[in-house]
Amino acid sequence: MKTKQLMIMCLAGLSSSAWAIEPGPASSAQQGTESWMQLQIRGVVASTNLQTASAAERELAMQRWLNSFTYPIPEYFNQDTGGEITNSK
């Protein structure tokens, strides 16, 4: 019974306006991003040229993706193996 009450309280809390993000972009950069995203969503700036990939291109892309799984995932990242940044003045 307590589990059910806890779930109801959590769900009620998630729907409250205290969790909501204020409407509208917070900065001019975000406003620009929002404008472009809205244009893309509506299809206003969509290309009139149909863009397709050939069967060979799709096969190569799939092979690159499959090959990415052959590399072992290291246990940790050693920062010293990445080389050094030199200042060439």
Protein backbone atom coordinates (compact mmCIF):
# COMPACT_ATOMS: atom_id res chain seq x y z
CA MET A 1 0.00 0.00 0.00
CA LYS A 2 2.83 2.40 0.82
CA THR A 3 4.45 1.70 -2.54
CA LYS A 4 1.25 2.68 -4.34
CA GLN A 5 0.98 5.91 -2.35
CA LEU A 6 4.62 6.75 -3.04
CA MET A 7 4.12 6.20 -6.77
CA ILE A 8 1.07 8.47 -6.81
CA MET A 9 2.97 11.20 -4.96
CA CYS A 10 5.91 10.94 -7.38
CA LEU A 11 3.68 11.10 -10.43
CA ALA A 12 1.78 14.07 -9.01
CA GLY A 13 5.08 15.84 -8.34
CA LEU A 14 6.31 15.27 -11.89
CA SER A 15 3.27 16.94 -13.37
CA SER A 16 3.58 20.08 -11.25
CA SER A 17 4.70 23.34 -12.82
CA ALA A 18 7.70 23.51 -10.48
CA TRP A 19 9.48 21.03 -12.78
CA ALA A 20 8.63 22.91 -15.99
CA ILE A 21 11.23 24.85 -17.94
CA GLU A 22 10.28 28.43 -18.58
CA PRO A 23 8.95 28.92 -22.13
CA GLY A 24 11.10 30.63 -24.73
CA PRO A 25 14.83 30.83 -25.43
CA ALA A 26 17.10 32.22 -22.74
CA SER A 27 19.67 33.90 -25.02
CA SER A 28 19.97 35.33 -28.53
CA ALA A 29 22.06 32.32 -29.57
CA GLN A 30 19.35 29.99 -28.32
CA GLN A 31 16.72 32.06 -30.14
CA GLY A 32 18.61 31.58 -33.40
CA THR A 33 18.89 27.85 -32.79
CA GLU A 34 15.19 27.60 -31.97
CA SER A 35 14.30 29.48 -35.16
CA TRP A 36 16.37 27.12 -37.34
CA MET A 37 14.92 24.07 -35.62
CA GLN A 38 11.37 25.31 -36.20
CA LEU A 39 12.15 25.89 -39.89
CA GLN A 40 13.51 22.35 -40.16
CA ILE A 41 10.53 20.84 -38.35
CA ARG A 42 8.10 22.59 -40.68
CA GLY A 43 10.14 21.72 -43.77
CA VAL A 44 10.33 25.36 -44.83
CA VAL A 45 14.03 25.23 -45.71
CA ALA A 46 14.08 21.65 -46.97
CA SER A 47 16.04 21.01 -50.13
CA THR A 48 14.05 20.56 -53.32
CA ASN A 49 16.74 18.17 -54.60
CA LEU A 50 16.14 14.58 -53.59
CA GLN A 51 19.30 13.33 -51.89
CA THR A 52 19.88 9.61 -52.15
CA ALA A 53 22.75 7.23 -51.53
CA SER A 54 23.63 4.47 -53.92
CA ALA A 55 23.61 0.85 -52.82
CA ALA A 56 27.44 0.88 -52.79
CA GLU A 57 27.50 3.99 -50.57
CA ARG A 58 25.01 2.46 -48.15
CA GLU A 59 27.02 -0.76 -48.04
CA LEU A 60 30.26 1.12 -47.29
CA ALA A 61 28.58 3.13 -44.54
CA MET A 62 27.19 -0.05 -42.99
CA GLN A 63 30.61 -1.72 -43.18
CA ARG A 64 32.28 1.26 -41.46
CA TRP A 65 29.69 1.06 -38.70
CA LEU A 66 30.16 -2.69 -38.28
CA ASN A 67 33.96 -2.31 -38.25
CA SER A 68 33.69 0.18 -35.39
CA PHE A 69 32.72 -2.72 -33.11
CA THR A 70 36.02 -4.56 -33.73
CA TYR A 71 38.06 -2.08 -31.68
CA PRO A 72 38.43 -3.11 -28.04
CA ILE A 73 37.13 -0.73 -25.40
CA PRO A 74 40.04 0.16 -23.11
CA GLU A 75 39.63 -0.33 -19.39
CA TYR A 76 40.78 3.22 -18.78
CA PHE A 77 42.01 6.20 -20.78
CA ASN A 78 45.70 6.95 -20.47
CA GLN A 79 46.18 10.66 -21.12
CA ASP A 80 49.92 10.29 -21.77
CA THR A 81 49.39 8.14 -24.88
CA GLY A 82 47.73 10.99 -26.76
CA GLY A 83 50.96 12.86 -27.51
CA GLU A 84 51.92 16.40 -26.67
CA ILE A 85 50.94 19.84 -27.85
CA THR A 86 53.96 21.80 -28.96
CA ASN A 87 54.16 25.52 -29.38
CA SER A 88 55.61 26.26 -32.82
CA LYS A 89 56.69 29.90 -32.50
